[in-house]
Amino acid sequence: MSLSDVDRQLLQRCLDREPRAWQDFVDRFVGLVVHVVNRTAMGRGLSMDESTRDDMVAEVFLVYVRHDFAVLRRFRRQCSLATYLTIVARRVVVRRLTANSAVSGTHISASSVGSSLDNGNLANGNTVNGAANGHATPTQVNGELQRIENAEEVEHLMLRLDPREASVVRMYHLEGKSYQEISQAVGLSENTIGPLLHRARAKMGRG
């Protein structure tokens, strides 16, 4: 799906810092981000309370706005804005859930999310680059933005694939799932995932 006129105008209003633009952006996409947070946690067998979910959602929106909307400025508009924001949100949430679950098990608490924010990780850009502490360097931030940009390109190229191929590519390249996890999700034997990915990449590489 291509970028809609409504989203194109909203995006430009945000980048131009027009009055109420950011509030309109949040109002339009908060439901999407909540959905990504819930689905990502469920997909990893993790539970969270409402307060924790709200903290995660706020963290995603802070990533969108950080460094003068750097993530939004790197959007190449080859897919829908919702698709791009989903990719970014999923990466932010996966990193946070992975870090927190390593400490707290299968339940993520607001305090574990909050401690990451209090330690300065979010303010210093480390939610984007995945660093544990300290200040994010321009190279680190740009590297992560490039990975997000590449993920946007993958989403665009997946339009060339059939539904099963697209699902496998998304799970492997964008969600970081293993061959075993993918095989269980799509009902294929594990040793067929590699060849399927190879064929899908070949299709995606055709001009």
N, C-alpha and C. Protein backbone atom coordinates (compact mmCIF):
# COMPACT_ATOMS: atom_id res chain seq x y z
N MET A 1 0.84 -1.19 0.00
CA MET A 1 0.00 0.00 0.00
C MET A 1 0.88 1.24 0.00
N SER A 2 0.57 2.21 -0.85
CA SER A 2 1.38 3.42 -0.95
C SER A 2 0.96 4.44 0.10
N LEU A 3 1.76 5.48 0.21
CA LEU A 3 1.49 6.54 1.17
C LEU A 3 0.25 7.32 0.75
N SER A 4 -0.70 7.44 1.66
CA SER A 4 -1.94 8.16 1.34
C SER A 4 -1.72 9.66 1.41
N ASP A 5 -2.59 10.41 0.76
CA ASP A 5 -2.49 11.87 0.79
C ASP A 5 -2.66 12.40 2.20
N VAL A 6 -3.57 11.79 2.96
CA VAL A 6 -3.80 12.23 4.34
C VAL A 6 -2.53 12.08 5.17
N ASP A 7 -1.88 10.92 5.06
CA ASP A 7 -0.67 10.69 5.84
C ASP A 7 0.50 11.52 5.33
N ARG A 8 0.55 11.75 4.03
CA ARG A 8 1.61 12.59 3.48
C ARG A 8 1.52 14.01 4.04
N GLN A 9 0.31 14.53 4.09
CA GLN A 9 0.12 15.88 4.63
C GLN A 9 0.41 15.93 6.12
N LEU A 10 -0.03 14.90 6.85
CA LEU A 10 0.21 14.86 8.29
C LEU A 10 1.70 14.77 8.58
N LEU A 11 2.40 13.94 7.84
CA LEU A 11 3.84 13.79 8.02
C LEU A 11 4.55 15.12 7.77
N GLN A 12 4.18 15.80 6.70
CA GLN A 12 4.82 17.07 6.39
C GLN A 12 4.53 18.12 7.45
N ARG A 13 3.31 18.13 7.96
CA ARG A 13 2.96 19.07 9.03
C ARG A 13 3.83 18.85 10.27
N CYS A 14 4.08 17.58 10.59
CA CYS A 14 4.95 17.28 11.73
C CYS A 14 6.37 17.76 11.48
N LEU A 15 6.89 17.46 10.30
CA LEU A 15 8.26 17.85 9.98
C LEU A 15 8.41 19.37 9.93
N ASP A 16 7.33 20.05 9.57
CA ASP A 16 7.34 21.52 9.55
C ASP A 16 7.00 22.12 10.91
N ARG A 17 6.73 21.25 11.89
CA ARG A 17 6.39 21.67 13.25
C ARG A 17 5.18 22.60 13.29
N GLU A 18 4.18 22.28 12.52
CA GLU A 18 2.97 23.09 12.54
C GLU A 18 2.19 22.86 13.84
N PRO A 19 1.45 23.87 14.29
CA PRO A 19 0.66 23.73 15.52
C PRO A 19 -0.30 22.54 15.44
N ARG A 20 -0.38 21.78 16.50
CA ARG A 20 -1.26 20.62 16.66
C ARG A 20 -0.90 19.44 15.76
N ALA A 21 0.14 19.56 14.95
CA ALA A 21 0.48 18.47 14.04
C ALA A 21 0.85 17.21 14.81
N TRP A 22 1.69 17.37 15.84
CA TRP A 22 2.13 16.19 16.59
C TRP A 22 0.97 15.54 17.32
N GLN A 23 0.08 16.34 17.89
CA GLN A 23 -1.08 15.77 18.57
C GLN A 23 -1.96 15.00 17.59
N ASP A 24 -2.13 15.54 16.39
CA ASP A 24 -2.91 14.83 15.37
C ASP A 24 -2.23 13.52 14.98
N PHE A 25 -0.90 13.55 14.92
CA PHE A 25 -0.13 12.35 14.59
C PHE A 25 -0.35 11.28 15.66
N VAL A 26 -0.23 11.69 16.92
CA VAL A 26 -0.42 10.74 18.03
C VAL A 26 -1.84 10.18 18.01
N ASP A 27 -2.82 11.05 17.83
CA ASP A 27 -4.21 10.60 17.80
C ASP A 27 -4.45 9.58 16.69
N ARG A 28 -3.81 9.79 15.56
CA ARG A 28 -4.03 8.91 14.41
C ARG A 28 -3.37 7.54 14.60
N PHE A 29 -2.19 7.52 15.23
CA PHE A 29 -1.42 6.27 15.25
C PHE A 29 -1.28 5.62 16.62
N VAL A 30 -1.88 6.19 17.65
CA VAL A 30 -1.73 5.58 18.98
C VAL A 30 -2.34 4.18 19.01
N GLY A 31 -3.46 3.97 18.33
CA GLY A 31 -4.06 2.64 18.30
C GLY A 31 -3.15 1.62 17.64
N LEU A 32 -2.46 2.04 16.58
CA LEU A 32 -1.52 1.16 15.90
C LEU A 32 -0.39 0.75 16.83
N VAL A 33 0.17 1.72 17.54
CA VAL A 33 1.30 1.43 18.43
C VAL A 33 0.87 0.52 19.58
N VAL A 34 -0.31 0.77 20.14
CA VAL A 34 -0.83 -0.10 21.20
C VAL A 34 -0.95 -1.53 20.68
N HIS A 35 -1.46 -1.67 19.47
CA HIS A 35 -1.61 -2.99 18.86
C HIS A 35 -0.25 -3.68 18.71
N VAL A 36 0.75 -2.94 18.25
CA VAL A 36 2.09 -3.52 18.08
C VAL A 36 2.66 -3.97 19.42
N VAL A 37 2.50 -3.14 20.44
CA VAL A 37 3.00 -3.50 21.77
C VAL A 37 2.34 -4.78 22.26
N ASN A 38 1.01 -4.84 22.17
CA ASN A 38 0.28 -6.01 22.65
C ASN A 38 0.65 -7.28 21.88
N ARG A 39 0.68 -7.18 20.55
CA ARG A 39 0.96 -8.35 19.73
C ARG A 39 2.40 -8.83 19.92
N THR A 40 3.33 -7.90 20.04
CA THR A 40 4.73 -8.28 20.21
C THR A 40 4.94 -8.98 21.54
N ALA A 41 4.32 -8.47 22.59
CA ALA A 41 4.43 -9.12 23.90
C ALA A 41 3.78 -10.50 23.88
N MET A 42 2.59 -10.60 23.30
CA MET A 42 1.91 -11.89 23.22
C MET A 42 2.71 -12.90 22.43
N GLY A 43 3.34 -12.44 21.35
CA GLY A 43 4.12 -13.33 20.51
C GLY A 43 5.33 -13.92 21.22
N ARG A 44 5.75 -13.27 22.30
CA ARG A 44 6.88 -13.77 23.08
C ARG A 44 6.46 -14.37 24.41
N GLY A 45 5.15 -14.59 24.55
CA GLY A 45 4.65 -15.21 25.76
C GLY A 45 4.81 -14.35 27.00
N LEU A 46 4.84 -13.03 26.82
CA LEU A 46 5.03 -12.11 27.94
C LEU A 46 3.73 -11.41 28.27
N SER A 47 3.53 -11.14 29.54
CA SER A 47 2.35 -10.40 29.97
C SER A 47 2.79 -9.06 30.53
N MET A 48 1.91 -8.07 30.42
CA MET A 48 2.22 -6.76 30.98
C MET A 48 0.93 -6.11 31.44
N ASP A 49 1.05 -5.25 32.45
CA ASP A 49 -0.13 -4.55 32.92
C ASP A 49 -0.35 -3.29 32.08
N GLU A 50 -1.46 -2.61 32.33
CA GLU A 50 -1.81 -1.45 31.51
C GLU A 50 -0.79 -0.33 31.64
N SER A 51 -0.27 -0.14 32.84
CA SER A 51 0.73 0.91 33.06
C SER A 51 1.99 0.65 32.25
N THR A 52 2.41 -0.61 32.22
CA THR A 52 3.61 -0.97 31.46
C THR A 52 3.38 -0.77 29.97
N ARG A 53 2.21 -1.18 29.51
CA ARG A 53 1.88 -0.99 28.10
C ARG A 53 1.92 0.49 27.73
N ASP A 54 1.36 1.34 28.59
CA ASP A 54 1.36 2.77 28.31
C ASP A 54 2.78 3.32 28.26
N ASP A 55 3.66 2.81 29.14
CA ASP A 55 5.06 3.25 29.12
C ASP A 55 5.73 2.85 27.81
N MET A 56 5.44 1.64 27.34
CA MET A 56 6.01 1.18 26.07
C MET A 56 5.53 2.04 24.91
N VAL A 57 4.25 2.35 24.91
CA VAL A 57 3.68 3.18 23.84
C VAL A 57 4.34 4.56 23.85
N ALA A 58 4.49 5.14 25.04
CA ALA A 58 5.13 6.45 25.14
C ALA A 58 6.56 6.40 24.64
N GLU A 59 7.25 5.30 24.93
CA GLU A 59 8.63 5.15 24.49
C GLU A 59 8.73 5.12 22.97
N VAL A 60 7.80 4.42 22.34
CA VAL A 60 7.80 4.37 20.87
C VAL A 60 7.61 5.76 20.28
N PHE A 61 6.67 6.52 20.82
CA PHE A 61 6.44 7.86 20.28
C PHE A 61 7.63 8.78 20.52
N LEU A 62 8.34 8.58 21.62
CA LEU A 62 9.54 9.37 21.85
C LEU A 62 10.63 9.04 20.82
N VAL A 63 10.68 7.79 20.40
CA VAL A 63 11.63 7.41 19.35
C VAL A 63 11.25 8.10 18.04
N TYR A 64 9.96 8.17 17.74
CA TYR A 64 9.52 8.84 16.52
C TYR A 64 9.96 10.31 16.50
N VAL A 65 9.90 10.97 17.65
CA VAL A 65 10.12 12.42 17.69
C VAL A 65 11.58 12.80 17.96
N ARG A 66 12.37 11.85 18.44
CA ARG A 66 13.73 12.17 18.86
C ARG A 66 14.60 12.68 17.70
N HIS A 67 15.57 13.51 18.05
CA HIS A 67 16.54 14.06 17.09
C HIS A 67 15.83 14.75 15.93
N ASP A 68 14.88 15.63 16.28
CA ASP A 68 14.15 16.41 15.28
C ASP A 68 13.46 15.50 14.26
N PHE A 69 12.72 14.51 14.77
CA PHE A 69 11.95 13.59 13.93
C PHE A 69 12.85 12.81 12.96
N ALA A 70 14.04 12.41 13.43
CA ALA A 70 15.00 11.76 12.53
C ALA A 70 14.41 10.51 11.87
N VAL A 71 13.69 9.69 12.65
CA VAL A 71 13.10 8.48 12.08
C VAL A 71 12.09 8.82 10.99
N LEU A 72 11.26 9.83 11.24
CA LEU A 72 10.26 10.21 10.24
C LEU A 72 10.91 10.83 9.01
N ARG A 73 11.99 11.55 9.21
CA ARG A 73 12.67 12.18 8.07
C ARG A 73 13.33 11.14 7.16
N ARG A 74 13.65 9.97 7.72
CA ARG A 74 14.28 8.93 6.90
C ARG A 74 13.26 8.06 6.17
N PHE A 75 11.99 8.30 6.39
CA PHE A 75 10.94 7.54 5.71
C PHE A 75 10.99 7.85 4.21
N ARG A 76 11.19 6.82 3.39
CA ARG A 76 11.36 7.02 1.95
C ARG A 76 10.05 6.96 1.17
N ARG A 77 8.95 6.74 1.88
CA ARG A 77 7.61 6.84 1.29
C ARG A 77 7.35 5.81 0.20
N GLN A 78 7.96 4.65 0.34
CA GLN A 78 7.74 3.57 -0.62
C GLN A 78 6.65 2.61 -0.17
N CYS A 79 6.15 2.81 1.04
CA CYS A 79 5.05 2.01 1.56
C CYS A 79 4.16 2.94 2.37
N SER A 80 3.13 2.40 2.99
CA SER A 80 2.26 3.25 3.80
C SER A 80 3.00 3.71 5.05
N LEU A 81 2.59 4.85 5.57
CA LEU A 81 3.20 5.36 6.80
C LEU A 81 2.94 4.39 7.95
N ALA A 82 1.76 3.79 7.98
CA ALA A 82 1.44 2.83 9.05
C ALA A 82 2.39 1.64 9.03
N THR A 83 2.74 1.15 7.84
CA THR A 83 3.68 0.03 7.74
C THR A 83 5.04 0.42 8.29
N TYR A 84 5.51 1.58 7.91
CA TYR A 84 6.81 2.06 8.39
C TYR A 84 6.82 2.23 9.90
N LEU A 85 5.78 2.86 10.43
CA LEU A 85 5.71 3.07 11.88
C LEU A 85 5.62 1.75 12.63
N THR A 86 4.96 0.77 12.04
CA THR A 86 4.88 -0.55 12.65
C THR A 86 6.26 -1.19 12.75
N ILE A 87 7.05 -1.07 11.70
CA ILE A 87 8.41 -1.62 11.70
C ILE A 87 9.24 -0.99 12.81
N VAL A 88 9.19 0.33 12.89
CA VAL A 88 9.97 1.03 13.91
C VAL A 88 9.49 0.64 15.31
N ALA A 89 8.17 0.66 15.50
CA ALA A 89 7.61 0.34 16.82
C ALA A 89 8.00 -1.07 17.25
N ARG A 90 7.91 -2.02 16.33
CA ARG A 90 8.23 -3.40 16.66
C ARG A 90 9.67 -3.53 17.11
N ARG A 91 10.58 -2.85 16.44
CA ARG A 91 11.99 -2.93 16.82
C ARG A 91 12.23 -2.34 18.21
N VAL A 92 11.59 -1.22 18.49
CA VAL A 92 11.73 -0.60 19.81
C VAL A 92 11.20 -1.54 20.89
N VAL A 93 10.01 -2.09 20.66
CA VAL A 93 9.37 -2.93 21.67
C VAL A 93 10.13 -4.24 21.87
N VAL A 94 10.58 -4.85 20.78
CA VAL A 94 11.33 -6.10 20.90
C VAL A 94 12.58 -5.90 21.75
N ARG A 95 13.30 -4.83 21.51
CA ARG A 95 14.51 -4.59 22.29
C ARG A 95 14.19 -4.38 23.76
N ARG A 96 13.15 -3.62 24.03
CA ARG A 96 12.80 -3.35 25.42
C ARG A 96 12.30 -4.62 26.11
N LEU A 97 11.45 -5.38 25.44
CA LEU A 97 10.94 -6.61 26.04
C LEU A 97 12.05 -7.61 26.27
N THR A 98 12.96 -7.71 25.32
CA THR A 98 14.07 -8.65 25.47
C THR A 98 14.94 -8.28 26.66
N ALA A 99 15.24 -7.00 26.79
CA ALA A 99 16.07 -6.54 27.90
C ALA A 99 15.37 -6.76 29.24
N ASN A 100 14.08 -6.43 29.29
CA ASN A 100 13.36 -6.52 30.56
C ASN A 100 13.04 -7.96 30.96
N SER A 101 12.69 -8.81 29.98
CA SER A 101 12.33 -10.19 30.31
C SER A 101 13.54 -10.97 30.79
N ALA A 102 14.73 -10.56 30.36
CA ALA A 102 15.94 -11.24 30.83
C ALA A 102 16.12 -11.06 32.32
N VAL A 103 15.55 -9.97 32.84
CA VAL A 103 15.66 -9.67 34.27
C VAL A 103 14.45 -10.16 35.05
N SER A 104 13.25 -9.93 34.49
CA SER A 104 12.03 -10.15 35.27
C SER A 104 11.23 -11.37 34.87
N GLY A 105 11.69 -12.18 33.91
CA GLY A 105 10.97 -13.39 33.54
C GLY A 105 9.88 -13.12 32.53
N THR A 106 8.69 -13.72 32.73
CA THR A 106 7.63 -13.63 31.73
C THR A 106 6.65 -12.51 32.00
N HIS A 107 6.83 -11.75 33.08
CA HIS A 107 5.96 -10.61 33.34
C HIS A 107 6.79 -9.34 33.32
N ILE A 108 6.37 -8.37 32.52
CA ILE A 108 7.09 -7.11 32.41
C ILE A 108 6.37 -6.08 33.26
N SER A 109 7.09 -5.47 34.18
CA SER A 109 6.48 -4.49 35.07
C SER A 109 6.82 -3.08 34.63
N ALA A 110 6.00 -2.14 35.08
CA ALA A 110 6.25 -0.74 34.76
C ALA A 110 7.57 -0.27 35.35
N SER A 111 7.94 -0.83 36.51
CA SER A 111 9.19 -0.39 37.14
C SER A 111 10.40 -0.79 36.31
N SER A 112 10.34 -1.96 35.65
CA SER A 112 11.49 -2.37 34.85
C SER A 112 11.63 -1.51 33.61
N VAL A 113 10.50 -1.10 33.03
CA VAL A 113 10.56 -0.18 31.90
C VAL A 113 11.01 1.19 32.37
N GLY A 114 10.45 1.63 33.49
CA GLY A 114 10.79 2.95 34.01
C GLY A 114 12.24 3.08 34.39
N SER A 115 12.84 2.00 34.90
CA SER A 115 14.24 2.08 35.30
C SER A 115 15.12 2.34 34.10
N SER A 116 14.74 1.80 32.94
CA SER A 116 15.51 2.05 31.73
C SER A 116 15.44 3.52 31.35
N LEU A 117 14.24 4.11 31.52
CA LEU A 117 14.09 5.52 31.19
C LEU A 117 14.86 6.38 32.18
N ASP A 118 14.77 6.02 33.48
CA ASP A 118 15.44 6.81 34.51
C ASP A 118 16.95 6.78 34.34
N ASN A 119 17.48 5.68 33.81
CA ASN A 119 18.92 5.57 33.63
C ASN A 119 19.42 6.39 32.46
N GLY A 120 18.50 7.02 31.72
CA GLY A 120 18.92 7.91 30.65
C GLY A 120 18.98 7.27 29.29
N ASN A 121 18.60 5.99 29.18
CA ASN A 121 18.71 5.32 27.89
C ASN A 121 17.86 5.98 26.84
N LEU A 122 16.62 6.33 27.20
CA LEU A 122 15.72 6.91 26.20
C LEU A 122 16.17 8.30 25.82
N ALA A 123 16.51 9.11 26.80
CA ALA A 123 16.90 10.49 26.51
C ALA A 123 18.17 10.55 25.68
N ASN A 124 19.04 9.57 25.85
CA ASN A 124 20.31 9.59 25.13
C ASN A 124 20.25 8.88 23.79
N GLY A 125 19.08 8.38 23.42
CA GLY A 125 18.95 7.74 22.12
C GLY A 125 19.21 6.26 22.13
N ASN A 126 19.39 5.65 23.31
CA ASN A 126 19.79 4.26 23.34
C ASN A 126 18.66 3.29 23.12
N THR A 127 17.41 3.75 23.15
CA THR A 127 16.32 2.87 22.75
C THR A 127 16.43 2.58 21.26
N VAL A 128 16.94 3.52 20.50
CA VAL A 128 17.09 3.31 19.07
C VAL A 128 18.26 2.39 18.78
N ASN A 129 19.40 2.63 19.41
CA ASN A 129 20.57 1.86 19.01
C ASN A 129 20.83 0.64 19.86
N GLY A 130 20.07 0.45 20.94
CA GLY A 130 20.18 -0.77 21.72
C GLY A 130 21.33 -0.77 22.70
N ALA A 131 22.04 0.34 22.87
CA ALA A 131 23.13 0.37 23.82
C ALA A 131 22.59 0.30 25.23
N ALA A 132 23.37 -0.26 26.14
CA ALA A 132 22.90 -0.44 27.50
C ALA A 132 22.92 0.86 28.28
N ASN A 133 23.92 1.69 28.06
CA ASN A 133 23.97 2.96 28.77
C ASN A 133 24.92 3.90 28.04
N GLY A 134 25.04 5.13 28.54
CA GLY A 134 25.91 6.10 27.89
C GLY A 134 25.20 6.83 26.78
N HIS A 135 25.96 7.64 26.04
CA HIS A 135 25.37 8.47 25.00
C HIS A 135 25.48 7.81 23.64
N ALA A 136 24.43 7.93 22.85
CA ALA A 136 24.45 7.40 21.50
C ALA A 136 25.29 8.31 20.62
N THR A 137 26.18 7.71 19.84
CA THR A 137 26.97 8.49 18.91
C THR A 137 26.18 8.67 17.62
N PRO A 138 26.50 9.70 16.82
CA PRO A 138 25.82 9.86 15.53
C PRO A 138 25.93 8.62 14.66
N THR A 139 27.08 7.94 14.71
CA THR A 139 27.25 6.73 13.90
C THR A 139 26.28 5.65 14.32
N GLN A 140 26.09 5.47 15.64
CA GLN A 140 25.17 4.45 16.14
C GLN A 140 23.74 4.76 15.73
N VAL A 141 23.33 6.01 15.90
CA VAL A 141 21.97 6.40 15.55
C VAL A 141 21.74 6.24 14.05
N ASN A 142 22.68 6.70 13.24
CA ASN A 142 22.53 6.58 11.79
C ASN A 142 22.50 5.13 11.35
N GLY A 143 23.28 4.27 12.04
CA GLY A 143 23.27 2.85 11.70
C GLY A 143 21.92 2.22 11.93
N GLU A 144 21.29 2.56 13.06
CA GLU A 144 19.97 2.00 13.34
C GLU A 144 18.92 2.56 12.38
N LEU A 145 19.02 3.84 12.06
CA LEU A 145 18.08 4.42 11.10
C LEU A 145 18.21 3.74 9.74
N GLN A 146 19.44 3.38 9.36
CA GLN A 146 19.65 2.69 8.10
C GLN A 146 18.99 1.32 8.12
N ARG A 147 19.08 0.62 9.27
CA ARG A 147 18.44 -0.69 9.37
C ARG A 147 16.93 -0.56 9.26
N ILE A 148 16.37 0.48 9.86
CA ILE A 148 14.93 0.72 9.76
C ILE A 148 14.56 1.03 8.32
N GLU A 149 15.37 1.84 7.67
CA GLU A 149 15.13 2.20 6.27
C GLU A 149 15.18 0.95 5.40
N ASN A 150 16.14 0.06 5.65
CA ASN A 150 16.23 -1.18 4.90
C ASN A 150 15.01 -2.06 5.13
N ALA A 151 14.50 -2.05 6.36
CA ALA A 151 13.30 -2.82 6.66
C ALA A 151 12.11 -2.29 5.88
N GLU A 152 12.05 -0.98 5.72
CA GLU A 152 10.99 -0.38 4.90
C GLU A 152 11.09 -0.89 3.47
N GLU A 153 12.31 -0.99 2.96
CA GLU A 153 12.52 -1.49 1.61
C GLU A 153 12.07 -2.95 1.50
N VAL A 154 12.35 -3.75 2.53
CA VAL A 154 11.91 -5.15 2.53
C VAL A 154 10.39 -5.22 2.45
N GLU A 155 9.70 -4.39 3.26
CA GLU A 155 8.24 -4.39 3.23
C GLU A 155 7.73 -4.05 1.83
N HIS A 156 8.37 -3.09 1.19
CA HIS A 156 7.95 -2.69 -0.16
C HIS A 156 8.16 -3.84 -1.15
N LEU A 157 9.31 -4.50 -1.07
CA LEU A 157 9.61 -5.57 -2.01
C LEU A 157 8.75 -6.81 -1.78
N MET A 158 8.23 -6.96 -0.56
CA MET A 158 7.40 -8.13 -0.27
C MET A 158 6.09 -8.12 -1.04
N LEU A 159 5.75 -6.99 -1.64
CA LEU A 159 4.55 -6.95 -2.47
C LEU A 159 4.67 -7.89 -3.67
N ARG A 160 5.90 -8.29 -4.01
CA ARG A 160 6.13 -9.20 -5.13
C ARG A 160 5.91 -10.66 -4.75
N LEU A 161 5.72 -10.94 -3.48
CA LEU A 161 5.65 -12.32 -3.00
C LEU A 161 4.22 -12.77 -2.79
N ASP A 162 4.03 -14.09 -2.80
CA ASP A 162 2.72 -14.61 -2.43
C ASP A 162 2.60 -14.54 -0.90
N PRO A 163 1.39 -14.70 -0.36
CA PRO A 163 1.18 -14.50 1.07
C PRO A 163 2.07 -15.34 1.97
N ARG A 164 2.27 -16.61 1.63
CA ARG A 164 3.11 -17.46 2.49
C ARG A 164 4.56 -16.99 2.47
N GLU A 165 5.08 -16.69 1.28
CA GLU A 165 6.45 -16.21 1.18
C GLU A 165 6.63 -14.91 1.96
N ALA A 166 5.67 -14.00 1.80
CA ALA A 166 5.75 -12.72 2.50
C ALA A 166 5.74 -12.91 4.01
N SER A 167 4.93 -13.86 4.48
CA SER A 167 4.85 -14.12 5.91
C SER A 167 6.18 -14.64 6.44
N VAL A 168 6.81 -15.55 5.71
CA VAL A 168 8.08 -16.12 6.14
C VAL A 168 9.18 -15.05 6.13
N VAL A 169 9.22 -14.25 5.07
CA VAL A 169 10.22 -13.19 4.99
C VAL A 169 10.04 -12.19 6.13
N ARG A 170 8.80 -11.83 6.41
CA ARG A 170 8.54 -10.87 7.49
C ARG A 170 9.00 -11.43 8.84
N MET A 171 8.67 -12.68 9.09
CA MET A 171 9.04 -13.27 10.38
C MET A 171 10.56 -13.39 10.53
N TYR A 172 11.24 -13.74 9.43
CA TYR A 172 12.69 -13.94 9.52
C TYR A 172 13.46 -12.62 9.54
N HIS A 173 13.16 -11.74 8.59
CA HIS A 173 13.95 -10.53 8.43
C HIS A 173 13.50 -9.37 9.32
N LEU A 174 12.20 -9.27 9.60
CA LEU A 174 11.70 -8.13 10.35
C LEU A 174 11.38 -8.45 11.80
N GLU A 175 11.04 -9.70 12.09
CA GLU A 175 10.69 -10.07 13.46
C GLU A 175 11.78 -10.87 14.15
N GLY A 176 12.81 -11.27 13.38
CA GLY A 176 13.95 -11.95 13.98
C GLY A 176 13.66 -13.35 14.48
N LYS A 177 12.67 -14.03 13.90
CA LYS A 177 12.33 -15.37 14.36
C LYS A 177 13.26 -16.41 13.74
N SER A 178 13.43 -17.51 14.45
CA SER A 178 14.28 -18.60 13.98
C SER A 178 13.53 -19.47 12.97
N TYR A 179 14.27 -20.33 12.27
CA TYR A 179 13.63 -21.26 11.34
C TYR A 179 12.61 -22.13 12.08
N GLN A 180 12.97 -22.57 13.29
CA GLN A 180 12.06 -23.42 14.06
C GLN A 180 10.76 -22.69 14.39
N GLU A 181 10.88 -21.44 14.83
CA GLU A 181 9.69 -20.66 15.16
C GLU A 181 8.82 -20.42 13.93
N ILE A 182 9.47 -20.15 12.80
CA ILE A 182 8.73 -19.91 11.56
C ILE A 182 8.01 -21.17 11.11
N SER A 183 8.71 -22.30 11.18
CA SER A 183 8.11 -23.56 10.73
C SER A 183 6.87 -23.89 11.55
N GLN A 184 6.92 -23.62 12.84
CA GLN A 184 5.76 -23.87 13.70
C GLN A 184 4.61 -22.92 13.37
N ALA A 185 4.95 -21.68 13.02
CA ALA A 185 3.92 -20.67 12.75
C ALA A 185 3.20 -20.93 11.43
N VAL A 186 3.93 -21.38 10.41
CA VAL A 186 3.33 -21.53 9.08
C VAL A 186 3.00 -22.98 8.73
N GLY A 187 3.39 -23.92 9.60
CA GLY A 187 3.05 -25.31 9.34
C GLY A 187 3.89 -25.98 8.28
N LEU A 188 5.15 -25.56 8.14
CA LEU A 188 6.08 -26.18 7.21
C LEU A 188 7.21 -26.83 7.99
N SER A 189 7.86 -27.82 7.38
CA SER A 189 9.01 -28.43 8.06
C SER A 189 10.15 -27.42 8.10
N GLU A 190 10.97 -27.55 9.13
CA GLU A 190 12.03 -26.57 9.35
C GLU A 190 13.02 -26.52 8.19
N ASN A 191 13.28 -27.68 7.56
CA ASN A 191 14.29 -27.69 6.49
C ASN A 191 13.78 -27.10 5.17
N THR A 192 12.50 -26.69 5.13
CA THR A 192 12.00 -26.03 3.92
C THR A 192 12.06 -24.51 4.02
N ILE A 193 12.34 -23.98 5.21
CA ILE A 193 12.32 -22.53 5.40
C ILE A 193 13.46 -21.86 4.64
N GLY A 194 14.66 -22.44 4.71
CA GLY A 194 15.80 -21.85 4.01
C GLY A 194 15.58 -21.74 2.51
N PRO A 195 15.20 -22.84 1.83
CA PRO A 195 14.93 -22.75 0.39
C PRO A 195 13.81 -21.77 0.06
N LEU A 196 12.77 -21.73 0.91
CA LEU A 196 11.67 -20.79 0.66
C LEU A 196 12.18 -19.35 0.73
N LEU A 197 13.01 -19.06 1.73
CA LEU A 197 13.58 -17.71 1.85
C LEU A 197 14.45 -17.39 0.63
N HIS A 198 15.20 -18.37 0.16
CA HIS A 198 16.06 -18.16 -1.00
C HIS A 198 15.22 -17.80 -2.23
N ARG A 199 14.14 -18.54 -2.45
CA ARG A 199 13.27 -18.24 -3.60
C ARG A 199 12.62 -16.87 -3.45
N ALA A 200 12.21 -16.55 -2.22
CA ALA A 200 11.57 -15.26 -1.99
C ALA A 200 12.54 -14.11 -2.24
N ARG A 201 13.78 -14.27 -1.79
CA ARG A 201 14.78 -13.22 -2.02
C ARG A 201 15.04 -13.03 -3.51
N ALA A 202 15.03 -14.14 -4.24
CA ALA A 202 15.23 -14.05 -5.69
C ALA A 202 14.11 -13.24 -6.34
N LYS A 203 12.87 -13.49 -5.92
CA LYS A 203 11.74 -12.72 -6.44
C LYS A 203 11.87 -11.24 -6.09
N MET A 204 12.27 -10.97 -4.85
CA MET A 204 12.37 -9.59 -4.39
C MET A 204 13.49 -8.84 -5.11
N GLY A 205 14.49 -9.60 -5.59
CA GLY A 205 15.62 -8.96 -6.25
C GLY A 205 15.39 -8.65 -7.71
N ARG A 206 14.29 -9.14 -8.26
CA ARG A 206 14.01 -8.88 -9.67
C ARG A 206 13.48 -7.47 -9.85
N GLY A 207 13.97 -6.78 -10.85
CA GLY A 207 13.53 -5.41 -11.09
C GLY A 207 12.15 -5.34 -11.69
